[in-house]
């Protein structure tokens, strides 16, 4: 099995509520088993007290399938993030890759997107992403967008490094 590397950067993943809000407390209580898989890092608070999904605006998240062994059980932020990004309901462009993980249950995504609607209005979270796969001579560049009706749209373009070198 090839190793998949994912680099996520901030796009619009801010949550305009506090960890102490009633809605967040209820979400954390209901989904504690899933949140535990992220090792306490599903929601990240920045130095100014703003809350973000997975990574704050001033950081990138780099994870890899090599971060966990096959059959490993228990909390693992990389595996949990790959599971989170596996509920793809719409694909646009070059999306011929996956992470080999089953997504969380559908209701989790609905509840997560409802957290963003509290102060952010309609819409949801999105991330810019670069995906590399060992053995490929290129990379995928695109985005993940959490959809208001649930699920995720992934939109990617594959850039073949060999083809780019031949053009010069």
N, C-alpha and C. Protein backbone atom coordinates (compact mmCIF):
# COMPACT_ATOMS: atom_id res chain seq x y z
N UNK A 1 0.84 -1.18 0.00
CA UNK A 1 0.00 0.00 0.00
C UNK A 1 0.88 1.24 0.00
N UNK A 2 0.57 2.20 -0.83
CA UNK A 2 1.34 3.44 -0.94
C UNK A 2 1.09 4.33 0.27
N UNK A 3 2.09 5.11 0.61
CA UNK A 3 1.95 6.09 1.68
C UNK A 3 1.34 7.36 1.11
N UNK A 4 0.32 7.88 1.79
CA UNK A 4 -0.34 9.10 1.37
C UNK A 4 0.02 10.19 2.37
N UNK A 5 0.50 11.32 1.87
CA UNK A 5 0.84 12.46 2.70
C UNK A 5 -0.15 13.59 2.40
N UNK A 6 -0.60 14.26 3.44
CA UNK A 6 -1.58 15.33 3.29
C UNK A 6 -1.08 16.56 4.02
N UNK A 7 -1.08 17.68 3.32
CA UNK A 7 -0.73 18.96 3.90
C UNK A 7 -1.96 19.85 3.82
N UNK A 8 -2.54 20.18 4.97
CA UNK A 8 -3.72 21.06 5.03
C UNK A 8 -3.30 22.43 5.48
N UNK A 9 -3.84 23.44 4.84
CA UNK A 9 -3.60 24.81 5.30
C UNK A 9 -4.93 25.52 5.46
N UNK A 10 -4.90 26.54 6.23
CA UNK A 10 -6.07 27.33 6.56
C UNK A 10 -6.77 27.85 5.31
N UNK A 11 -8.05 27.76 5.32
CA UNK A 11 -8.88 28.45 4.33
C UNK A 11 -9.98 29.14 5.13
N UNK A 12 -11.01 28.40 5.48
CA UNK A 12 -12.05 28.97 6.36
C UNK A 12 -12.52 27.89 7.31
N UNK A 13 -11.73 27.68 8.34
CA UNK A 13 -12.05 26.64 9.30
C UNK A 13 -12.25 27.20 10.71
N UNK A 14 -12.53 28.50 10.82
CA UNK A 14 -12.74 29.11 12.12
C UNK A 14 -14.13 28.80 12.65
N UNK A 15 -14.18 28.57 13.95
CA UNK A 15 -15.45 28.34 14.64
C UNK A 15 -15.63 29.52 15.59
N UNK A 16 -16.66 30.27 15.40
CA UNK A 16 -16.85 31.49 16.19
C UNK A 16 -17.60 31.27 17.48
N UNK A 17 -17.30 30.17 18.14
CA UNK A 17 -17.86 29.93 19.48
C UNK A 17 -16.72 29.47 20.38
N UNK A 18 -16.93 29.55 21.67
CA UNK A 18 -15.87 29.16 22.60
C UNK A 18 -16.03 27.69 23.00
N UNK A 19 -14.96 27.15 23.52
CA UNK A 19 -15.00 25.76 24.03
C UNK A 19 -15.99 25.63 25.18
N UNK A 20 -16.25 26.74 25.87
CA UNK A 20 -17.14 26.71 27.03
C UNK A 20 -18.60 26.98 26.67
N UNK A 21 -18.90 27.22 25.40
CA UNK A 21 -20.29 27.49 25.03
C UNK A 21 -21.14 26.23 25.20
N UNK A 22 -22.42 26.45 25.41
CA UNK A 22 -23.35 25.33 25.62
C UNK A 22 -23.35 24.39 24.42
N UNK A 23 -23.34 24.95 23.21
CA UNK A 23 -23.36 24.12 22.00
C UNK A 23 -22.10 23.26 21.89
N UNK A 24 -20.95 23.83 22.22
CA UNK A 24 -19.70 23.09 22.14
C UNK A 24 -19.63 22.02 23.21
N UNK A 25 -20.10 22.32 24.38
CA UNK A 25 -20.11 21.33 25.47
C UNK A 25 -20.99 20.15 25.09
N UNK A 26 -22.17 20.43 24.53
CA UNK A 26 -23.06 19.35 24.09
C UNK A 26 -22.43 18.51 22.97
N UNK A 27 -21.80 19.18 22.01
CA UNK A 27 -21.14 18.47 20.92
C UNK A 27 -20.03 17.57 21.46
N UNK A 28 -19.20 18.12 22.34
CA UNK A 28 -18.10 17.35 22.92
C UNK A 28 -18.59 16.16 23.73
N UNK A 29 -19.70 16.34 24.43
CA UNK A 29 -20.25 15.24 25.22
C UNK A 29 -20.80 14.15 24.30
N UNK A 30 -21.57 14.55 23.30
CA UNK A 30 -22.20 13.58 22.39
C UNK A 30 -21.16 12.80 21.59
N UNK A 31 -20.09 13.47 21.15
CA UNK A 31 -19.11 12.85 20.25
C UNK A 31 -17.76 12.63 20.93
N UNK A 32 -17.75 12.43 22.23
CA UNK A 32 -16.49 12.30 22.98
C UNK A 32 -15.60 11.18 22.46
N UNK A 33 -16.18 10.07 22.04
CA UNK A 33 -15.36 8.94 21.55
C UNK A 33 -14.63 9.31 20.25
N UNK A 34 -15.28 10.05 19.37
CA UNK A 34 -14.63 10.48 18.13
C UNK A 34 -13.60 11.56 18.44
N UNK A 35 -13.95 12.53 19.26
CA UNK A 35 -13.05 13.63 19.59
C UNK A 35 -11.78 13.09 20.25
N UNK A 36 -11.92 12.07 21.05
CA UNK A 36 -10.78 11.43 21.71
C UNK A 36 -9.77 10.90 20.68
N UNK A 37 -10.24 10.45 19.53
CA UNK A 37 -9.36 9.93 18.49
C UNK A 37 -8.40 11.00 17.96
N UNK A 38 -8.77 12.27 18.09
CA UNK A 38 -7.93 13.39 17.64
C UNK A 38 -6.93 13.84 18.71
N UNK A 39 -6.86 13.11 19.79
CA UNK A 39 -5.95 13.42 20.91
C UNK A 39 -6.16 14.85 21.41
N UNK A 40 -7.41 15.26 21.50
CA UNK A 40 -7.73 16.59 22.00
C UNK A 40 -7.45 17.70 21.00
N UNK A 41 -7.25 17.37 19.72
CA UNK A 41 -6.89 18.39 18.74
C UNK A 41 -7.85 18.46 17.56
N UNK A 42 -9.12 18.11 17.76
CA UNK A 42 -10.11 18.33 16.71
C UNK A 42 -10.36 19.83 16.60
N UNK A 43 -10.45 20.47 17.76
CA UNK A 43 -10.61 21.91 17.82
C UNK A 43 -9.34 22.49 18.43
N UNK A 44 -8.78 23.52 17.79
CA UNK A 44 -7.53 24.11 18.22
C UNK A 44 -7.79 25.58 18.54
N UNK A 45 -7.36 26.00 19.73
CA UNK A 45 -7.52 27.40 20.12
C UNK A 45 -6.21 28.14 19.85
N UNK A 46 -6.30 29.28 19.19
CA UNK A 46 -5.08 30.05 18.90
C UNK A 46 -4.76 30.98 20.06
N UNK A 47 -3.68 31.72 19.94
CA UNK A 47 -3.22 32.61 21.00
C UNK A 47 -4.18 33.74 21.33
N UNK A 48 -5.10 34.04 20.41
CA UNK A 48 -6.06 35.10 20.64
C UNK A 48 -7.41 34.59 21.15
N UNK A 49 -7.50 33.28 21.38
CA UNK A 49 -8.73 32.69 21.91
C UNK A 49 -9.73 32.26 20.86
N UNK A 50 -9.37 32.33 19.57
CA UNK A 50 -10.26 31.87 18.51
C UNK A 50 -10.14 30.36 18.36
N UNK A 51 -11.23 29.74 17.98
CA UNK A 51 -11.28 28.28 17.86
C UNK A 51 -11.30 27.90 16.39
N UNK A 52 -10.53 26.86 16.02
CA UNK A 52 -10.38 26.41 14.64
C UNK A 52 -10.58 24.90 14.57
N UNK A 53 -10.98 24.43 13.42
CA UNK A 53 -11.09 23.00 13.18
C UNK A 53 -9.73 22.51 12.67
N UNK A 54 -9.14 21.59 13.37
CA UNK A 54 -7.87 20.90 13.05
C UNK A 54 -6.62 21.76 13.13
N UNK A 55 -6.61 22.97 12.59
CA UNK A 55 -5.40 23.80 12.59
C UNK A 55 -5.80 25.26 12.57
N UNK A 56 -5.05 26.09 13.28
CA UNK A 56 -5.36 27.52 13.29
C UNK A 56 -4.85 28.17 12.01
N UNK A 57 -5.18 29.42 11.84
CA UNK A 57 -4.86 30.13 10.60
C UNK A 57 -3.37 30.34 10.38
N UNK A 58 -2.59 30.25 11.43
CA UNK A 58 -1.15 30.51 11.28
C UNK A 58 -0.32 29.23 11.27
N UNK A 59 -0.97 28.10 11.05
CA UNK A 59 -0.23 26.84 11.00
C UNK A 59 -0.77 25.93 9.91
N UNK A 60 0.06 24.98 9.52
CA UNK A 60 -0.34 23.96 8.57
C UNK A 60 -0.35 22.64 9.29
N UNK A 61 -1.12 21.71 8.80
CA UNK A 61 -1.19 20.38 9.38
C UNK A 61 -0.64 19.41 8.35
N UNK A 62 0.44 18.74 8.68
CA UNK A 62 1.03 17.74 7.80
C UNK A 62 0.85 16.38 8.45
N UNK A 63 0.14 15.48 7.75
CA UNK A 63 -0.06 14.14 8.28
C UNK A 63 0.23 13.13 7.17
N UNK A 64 0.42 11.89 7.58
CA UNK A 64 0.76 10.84 6.64
C UNK A 64 0.19 9.52 7.12
N UNK A 65 -0.13 8.66 6.17
CA UNK A 65 -0.58 7.32 6.56
C UNK A 65 0.56 6.54 7.21
N UNK A 66 1.78 7.01 7.05
CA UNK A 66 2.91 6.35 7.72
C UNK A 66 2.95 6.70 9.21
N UNK A 67 2.09 7.62 9.66
CA UNK A 67 2.04 8.01 11.07
C UNK A 67 1.39 6.96 11.96
N UNK A 68 0.83 5.94 11.35
CA UNK A 68 0.23 4.88 12.15
C UNK A 68 0.47 3.53 11.51
N UNK A 69 0.59 2.52 12.35
CA UNK A 69 0.81 1.17 11.86
C UNK A 69 -0.50 0.49 11.54
N UNK A 70 -0.42 -0.53 10.71
CA UNK A 70 -1.65 -1.27 10.37
C UNK A 70 -2.15 -1.99 11.61
N UNK A 71 -3.44 -1.92 11.80
CA UNK A 71 -4.06 -2.58 12.94
C UNK A 71 -3.95 -1.82 14.25
N UNK A 72 -3.27 -0.67 14.24
CA UNK A 72 -3.12 0.12 15.46
C UNK A 72 -4.48 0.61 15.93
N UNK A 73 -4.72 0.49 17.19
CA UNK A 73 -5.96 0.97 17.77
C UNK A 73 -5.68 2.17 18.67
N UNK A 74 -6.72 2.90 19.00
CA UNK A 74 -6.59 4.01 19.92
C UNK A 74 -6.44 5.34 19.22
N UNK A 75 -6.31 6.42 19.99
CA UNK A 75 -6.22 7.75 19.43
C UNK A 75 -5.01 7.92 18.51
N UNK A 76 -5.25 8.55 17.36
CA UNK A 76 -4.19 8.86 16.40
C UNK A 76 -4.73 9.99 15.53
N UNK A 77 -4.19 11.20 15.71
CA UNK A 77 -4.72 12.37 15.01
C UNK A 77 -4.66 12.22 13.50
N UNK A 78 -3.61 11.61 12.98
CA UNK A 78 -3.50 11.44 11.53
C UNK A 78 -4.62 10.55 11.01
N UNK A 79 -4.79 9.39 11.62
CA UNK A 79 -5.86 8.48 11.19
C UNK A 79 -7.23 9.14 11.34
N UNK A 80 -7.45 9.82 12.46
CA UNK A 80 -8.75 10.47 12.69
C UNK A 80 -9.01 11.54 11.64
N UNK A 81 -7.97 12.29 11.26
CA UNK A 81 -8.14 13.33 10.23
C UNK A 81 -8.46 12.70 8.89
N UNK A 82 -7.78 11.60 8.55
CA UNK A 82 -8.09 10.90 7.30
C UNK A 82 -9.54 10.37 7.32
N UNK A 83 -9.98 9.87 8.47
CA UNK A 83 -11.38 9.41 8.58
C UNK A 83 -12.33 10.60 8.41
N UNK A 84 -11.99 11.73 9.03
CA UNK A 84 -12.83 12.93 8.93
C UNK A 84 -13.00 13.36 7.48
N UNK A 85 -11.94 13.30 6.71
CA UNK A 85 -11.96 13.76 5.32
C UNK A 85 -12.40 12.67 4.34
N UNK A 86 -12.94 11.59 4.84
CA UNK A 86 -13.34 10.47 3.96
C UNK A 86 -14.82 10.42 3.63
N UNK A 87 -15.64 11.33 4.15
CA UNK A 87 -17.07 11.34 3.80
C UNK A 87 -17.26 12.24 2.58
N UNK A 88 -16.77 11.79 1.44
CA UNK A 88 -16.84 12.56 0.20
C UNK A 88 -18.20 12.31 -0.46
N UNK A 89 -18.95 13.39 -0.65
CA UNK A 89 -20.25 13.27 -1.30
C UNK A 89 -20.23 13.89 -2.69
N UNK A 90 -19.16 14.67 -3.00
CA UNK A 90 -19.04 15.26 -4.33
C UNK A 90 -17.56 15.40 -4.64
N UNK A 91 -17.17 14.98 -5.85
CA UNK A 91 -15.78 15.09 -6.29
C UNK A 91 -15.73 15.91 -7.57
N UNK A 92 -14.76 16.82 -7.63
CA UNK A 92 -14.58 17.67 -8.80
C UNK A 92 -13.12 17.56 -9.24
N UNK A 93 -12.89 17.25 -10.50
CA UNK A 93 -11.53 17.20 -11.03
C UNK A 93 -10.86 15.87 -10.83
N UNK A 94 -9.56 15.93 -10.58
CA UNK A 94 -8.72 14.73 -10.42
C UNK A 94 -8.78 14.25 -8.98
N UNK A 95 -9.66 13.34 -8.71
CA UNK A 95 -9.87 12.89 -7.33
C UNK A 95 -9.69 11.38 -7.20
N UNK A 96 -8.75 10.83 -7.95
CA UNK A 96 -8.55 9.39 -7.97
C UNK A 96 -7.64 8.91 -6.85
N UNK A 97 -7.84 9.41 -5.67
CA UNK A 97 -7.07 8.96 -4.52
C UNK A 97 -7.98 8.92 -3.30
N UNK A 98 -7.57 8.17 -2.32
CA UNK A 98 -8.31 8.08 -1.07
C UNK A 98 -7.31 7.78 0.04
N UNK A 99 -7.83 7.64 1.23
CA UNK A 99 -6.97 7.44 2.39
C UNK A 99 -7.09 6.05 2.99
N UNK A 100 -7.97 5.23 2.46
CA UNK A 100 -8.12 3.88 2.99
C UNK A 100 -8.80 3.83 4.34
N UNK A 101 -9.56 4.85 4.68
CA UNK A 101 -10.25 4.90 5.97
C UNK A 101 -11.75 5.08 5.75
N UNK A 102 -12.54 4.46 6.58
CA UNK A 102 -13.98 4.66 6.56
C UNK A 102 -14.32 5.95 7.28
N UNK A 103 -15.29 6.71 6.78
CA UNK A 103 -15.64 7.97 7.45
C UNK A 103 -16.38 7.73 8.76
N UNK A 104 -16.47 8.80 9.54
CA UNK A 104 -17.30 8.75 10.75
C UNK A 104 -18.76 8.71 10.32
N UNK A 105 -19.63 8.44 11.28
CA UNK A 105 -21.05 8.35 10.94
C UNK A 105 -21.59 9.71 10.47
N UNK A 106 -22.57 9.65 9.61
CA UNK A 106 -23.10 10.84 8.95
C UNK A 106 -23.58 11.91 9.93
N UNK A 107 -24.19 11.52 11.02
CA UNK A 107 -24.72 12.47 11.99
C UNK A 107 -23.62 13.34 12.61
N UNK A 108 -22.42 12.78 12.75
CA UNK A 108 -21.29 13.55 13.28
C UNK A 108 -21.02 14.76 12.39
N UNK A 109 -21.02 14.57 11.07
CA UNK A 109 -20.76 15.66 10.13
C UNK A 109 -21.88 16.70 10.18
N UNK A 110 -23.10 16.25 10.31
CA UNK A 110 -24.23 17.18 10.42
C UNK A 110 -24.08 18.05 11.67
N UNK A 111 -23.76 17.42 12.78
CA UNK A 111 -23.57 18.18 14.02
C UNK A 111 -22.37 19.12 13.93
N UNK A 112 -21.30 18.67 13.29
CA UNK A 112 -20.11 19.50 13.13
C UNK A 112 -20.42 20.73 12.28
N UNK A 113 -21.11 20.54 11.19
CA UNK A 113 -21.44 21.68 10.32
C UNK A 113 -22.41 22.63 11.03
N UNK A 114 -23.28 22.10 11.88
CA UNK A 114 -24.20 22.96 12.63
C UNK A 114 -23.46 23.85 13.62
N UNK A 115 -22.31 23.40 14.12
CA UNK A 115 -21.50 24.26 14.99
C UNK A 115 -21.05 25.50 14.22
N UNK A 116 -20.69 25.32 12.96
CA UNK A 116 -20.20 26.46 12.17
C UNK A 116 -21.32 27.44 11.85
N UNK A 117 -22.56 26.98 11.85
CA UNK A 117 -23.69 27.85 11.50
C UNK A 117 -24.10 28.75 12.65
N UNK A 118 -23.63 28.47 13.85
CA UNK A 118 -24.05 29.25 15.01
C UNK A 118 -23.73 30.72 14.80
N UNK A 119 -22.48 31.04 14.46
CA UNK A 119 -22.10 32.44 14.24
C UNK A 119 -21.66 32.71 12.81
N UNK A 120 -21.26 31.70 12.09
CA UNK A 120 -20.71 31.90 10.76
C UNK A 120 -21.77 32.00 9.68
N UNK A 121 -23.00 31.64 9.97
CA UNK A 121 -24.04 31.62 8.95
C UNK A 121 -23.90 30.37 8.10
N UNK A 122 -24.56 30.34 6.95
CA UNK A 122 -24.47 29.15 6.12
C UNK A 122 -23.04 28.94 5.61
N UNK A 123 -22.77 27.74 5.25
CA UNK A 123 -21.43 27.42 4.78
C UNK A 123 -20.78 26.46 5.74
N UNK A 124 -19.51 26.40 5.71
CA UNK A 124 -18.84 25.47 6.60
C UNK A 124 -17.35 25.66 6.55
N UNK A 125 -16.67 24.59 6.83
CA UNK A 125 -15.23 24.61 6.91
C UNK A 125 -14.64 24.23 5.56
N UNK A 126 -13.49 24.79 5.24
CA UNK A 126 -12.78 24.36 4.05
C UNK A 126 -11.28 24.47 4.30
N UNK A 127 -10.55 23.65 3.57
CA UNK A 127 -9.11 23.59 3.70
C UNK A 127 -8.49 23.53 2.31
N UNK A 128 -7.38 24.23 2.14
CA UNK A 128 -6.55 24.03 0.96
C UNK A 128 -5.69 22.80 1.27
N UNK A 129 -5.41 21.99 0.27
CA UNK A 129 -4.70 20.76 0.54
C UNK A 129 -3.76 20.39 -0.60
N UNK A 130 -2.68 19.75 -0.22
CA UNK A 130 -1.78 19.13 -1.17
C UNK A 130 -1.63 17.67 -0.75
N UNK A 131 -1.80 16.77 -1.71
CA UNK A 131 -1.71 15.34 -1.43
C UNK A 131 -0.60 14.76 -2.30
N UNK A 132 0.32 14.07 -1.67
CA UNK A 132 1.34 13.35 -2.41
C UNK A 132 1.23 11.87 -2.06
N UNK A 133 1.52 11.05 -3.04
CA UNK A 133 1.44 9.61 -2.85
C UNK A 133 2.78 9.03 -3.28
N UNK A 134 3.43 8.30 -2.37
CA UNK A 134 4.71 7.70 -2.70
C UNK A 134 4.57 6.84 -3.93
N UNK A 135 5.49 7.00 -4.87
CA UNK A 135 5.46 6.23 -6.10
C UNK A 135 4.84 6.99 -7.26
N UNK A 136 4.16 8.11 -6.98
CA UNK A 136 3.59 8.96 -8.04
C UNK A 136 4.62 10.01 -8.40
N UNK A 137 4.66 10.41 -9.64
CA UNK A 137 5.61 11.44 -10.06
C UNK A 137 4.91 12.80 -10.14
N UNK A 138 4.06 13.06 -9.20
CA UNK A 138 3.34 14.31 -9.17
C UNK A 138 2.62 14.48 -7.84
N UNK A 139 1.71 15.41 -7.82
CA UNK A 139 0.96 15.67 -6.59
C UNK A 139 -0.43 16.20 -6.96
N UNK A 140 -1.34 16.10 -6.01
CA UNK A 140 -2.68 16.64 -6.15
C UNK A 140 -2.74 17.95 -5.36
N UNK A 141 -3.34 18.97 -5.93
CA UNK A 141 -3.53 20.23 -5.24
C UNK A 141 -5.00 20.61 -5.36
N UNK A 142 -5.59 21.01 -4.24
CA UNK A 142 -7.00 21.36 -4.28
C UNK A 142 -7.54 21.72 -2.93
N UNK A 143 -8.79 21.30 -2.68
CA UNK A 143 -9.44 21.69 -1.43
C UNK A 143 -10.47 20.66 -0.99
N UNK A 144 -10.76 20.73 0.30
CA UNK A 144 -11.87 20.01 0.91
C UNK A 144 -12.83 21.05 1.45
N UNK A 145 -14.11 20.92 1.12
CA UNK A 145 -15.11 21.84 1.64
C UNK A 145 -16.23 21.05 2.29
N UNK A 146 -16.48 21.35 3.55
CA UNK A 146 -17.58 20.71 4.27
C UNK A 146 -18.88 21.35 3.79
N UNK A 147 -19.80 20.55 3.30
CA UNK A 147 -21.03 21.06 2.68
C UNK A 147 -22.12 21.29 3.72
N UNK A 148 -22.94 22.33 3.55
CA UNK A 148 -24.00 22.63 4.51
C UNK A 148 -24.98 21.48 4.73
N UNK A 149 -25.22 20.68 3.69
CA UNK A 149 -26.16 19.56 3.83
C UNK A 149 -25.49 18.31 4.36
N UNK A 150 -24.20 18.39 4.70
CA UNK A 150 -23.45 17.24 5.20
C UNK A 150 -22.54 16.69 4.13
N UNK A 151 -21.52 16.01 4.53
CA UNK A 151 -20.56 15.48 3.59
C UNK A 151 -19.52 16.52 3.20
N UNK A 152 -18.64 16.09 2.31
CA UNK A 152 -17.51 16.92 1.91
C UNK A 152 -17.36 16.89 0.40
N UNK A 153 -17.05 18.04 -0.16
CA UNK A 153 -16.69 18.10 -1.58
C UNK A 153 -15.18 18.19 -1.66
N UNK A 154 -14.59 17.29 -2.47
CA UNK A 154 -13.16 17.43 -2.72
C UNK A 154 -12.97 17.83 -4.17
N UNK A 155 -12.10 18.81 -4.37
CA UNK A 155 -11.84 19.36 -5.69
C UNK A 155 -10.33 19.45 -5.88
N UNK A 156 -9.79 18.65 -6.82
CA UNK A 156 -8.34 18.56 -6.97
C UNK A 156 -7.92 18.56 -8.42
N UNK A 157 -6.69 18.97 -8.63
CA UNK A 157 -6.02 18.88 -9.92
C UNK A 157 -4.71 18.13 -9.69
N UNK A 158 -4.40 17.20 -10.60
CA UNK A 158 -3.15 16.46 -10.49
C UNK A 158 -2.09 17.16 -11.33
N UNK A 159 -0.94 17.40 -10.74
CA UNK A 159 0.18 18.02 -11.43
C UNK A 159 1.28 16.97 -11.57
N UNK A 160 1.57 16.58 -12.80
CA UNK A 160 2.58 15.57 -13.08
C UNK A 160 3.93 16.25 -13.16
N UNK A 161 4.81 15.95 -12.23
CA UNK A 161 6.12 16.59 -12.19
C UNK A 161 6.96 16.22 -13.41
N UNK A 162 6.82 15.00 -13.92
CA UNK A 162 7.56 14.59 -15.11
C UNK A 162 7.15 15.44 -16.32
N UNK A 163 5.86 15.68 -16.47
CA UNK A 163 5.37 16.49 -17.59
C UNK A 163 5.85 17.93 -17.47
N UNK A 164 5.88 18.45 -16.24
CA UNK A 164 6.35 19.82 -16.03
C UNK A 164 7.83 19.95 -16.43
N UNK A 165 8.64 18.93 -16.10
CA UNK A 165 10.07 18.97 -16.43
C UNK A 165 10.28 18.92 -17.93
N UNK A 166 9.44 18.17 -18.65
CA UNK A 166 9.58 18.02 -20.09
C UNK A 166 9.27 19.32 -20.83
N UNK A 167 8.45 20.17 -20.25
CA UNK A 167 8.06 21.42 -20.90
C UNK A 167 9.21 22.42 -20.96
N UNK A 168 10.16 22.30 -20.07
CA UNK A 168 11.27 23.28 -20.00
C UNK A 168 12.43 22.86 -20.84
